[in-house]
Amino acid sequence: MTILFTVYVALSFYCLAGVLMEHFATFAGWPLLGTAEFVKVRTVQGLGSLYVYVMPKVLLALPRFCVAEVKRL
């Protein structure tokens, strides 16, 4: 249980750091892009966010979902 909790906390901090980095570092440069570059850059950054931020958030949600399903049964 302690290892699972440690992994959960580590993923939580990882996701928080990812959101802060994206907000302060990535979004700040968007006004400097033209229309054509904006679409290309946003597409690449969106895919990066999927793997770096969304996947860990899904992993964080799984234990809650599993516990809720076990309690329901």
Protein backbone atom coordinates (compact mmCIF):
# COMPACT_ATOMS: atom_id res chain seq x y z
CA MET A 1 0.00 0.00 0.00
CA THR A 2 2.83 2.41 0.77
CA ILE A 3 4.45 1.89 -2.62
CA LEU A 4 1.15 2.48 -4.39
CA PHE A 5 0.60 5.67 -2.40
CA THR A 6 4.13 6.85 -3.20
CA VAL A 7 3.58 6.27 -6.92
CA TYR A 8 0.23 8.06 -6.73
CA VAL A 9 1.78 11.10 -5.03
CA ALA A 10 4.69 11.16 -7.49
CA LEU A 11 2.32 11.08 -10.46
CA SER A 12 0.23 13.84 -8.88
CA PHE A 13 3.23 16.12 -8.53
CA TYR A 14 4.37 15.20 -12.03
CA CYS A 15 1.00 16.24 -13.46
CA LEU A 16 1.00 19.49 -11.48
CA ALA A 17 4.47 20.34 -12.76
CA GLY A 18 3.37 19.54 -16.32
CA VAL A 19 0.39 21.87 -16.10
CA LEU A 20 2.48 24.69 -14.66
CA MET A 21 5.19 24.23 -17.29
CA GLU A 22 2.66 24.23 -20.10
CA HIS A 23 0.92 27.32 -18.75
CA PHE A 24 4.01 29.44 -18.10
CA ALA A 25 6.43 28.21 -20.78
CA THR A 26 4.34 26.97 -23.68
CA PHE A 27 1.34 29.27 -23.77
CA ALA A 28 3.52 32.35 -23.36
CA GLY A 29 5.00 31.94 -26.84
CA TRP A 30 1.73 31.50 -28.71
CA PRO A 31 1.09 35.24 -29.36
CA LEU A 32 4.39 35.37 -31.25
CA LEU A 33 3.22 32.79 -33.81
CA GLY A 34 1.47 33.48 -37.07
CA THR A 35 -1.74 31.72 -38.06
CA ALA A 36 -0.08 28.95 -40.07
CA GLU A 37 2.59 28.28 -37.43
CA PHE A 38 0.04 28.31 -34.62
CA VAL A 39 -1.88 25.37 -36.06
CA LYS A 40 1.29 23.31 -36.56
CA VAL A 41 2.76 24.13 -33.15
CA ARG A 42 -0.53 23.49 -31.33
CA THR A 43 -0.91 20.11 -33.02
CA VAL A 44 2.57 19.00 -31.96
CA GLN A 45 2.16 20.38 -28.43
CA GLY A 46 -1.25 18.78 -28.11
CA LEU A 47 0.16 15.34 -28.88
CA GLY A 48 2.99 15.98 -26.43
CA SER A 49 0.49 16.92 -23.75
CA LEU A 50 -1.41 13.71 -24.40
CA TYR A 51 1.57 11.52 -23.59
CA VAL A 52 3.18 13.67 -20.93
CA TYR A 53 0.10 14.86 -19.02
CA VAL A 54 -3.11 13.05 -19.96
CA MET A 55 -1.79 9.48 -19.71
CA PRO A 56 -0.49 9.97 -16.13
CA LYS A 57 -3.81 11.60 -15.17
CA VAL A 58 -5.65 8.55 -16.49
CA LEU A 59 -3.38 6.34 -14.40
CA LEU A 60 -4.26 8.45 -11.37
CA ALA A 61 -7.96 8.00 -12.02
CA LEU A 62 -7.80 4.20 -12.34
CA PRO A 63 -7.41 3.40 -8.62
CA ARG A 64 -10.42 5.56 -7.77
CA PHE A 65 -12.49 3.88 -10.46
CA CYS A 66 -11.42 0.39 -9.36
CA VAL A 67 -12.23 1.10 -5.71
CA ALA A 68 -15.62 2.49 -6.64
CA GLU A 69 -16.39 -0.62 -8.72
CA VAL A 70 -15.31 -2.99 -5.92
CA LYS A 71 -17.47 -1.14 -3.38
CA ARG A 72 -20.42 -1.25 -5.76
CA LEU A 73 -20.17 -5.04 -6.06
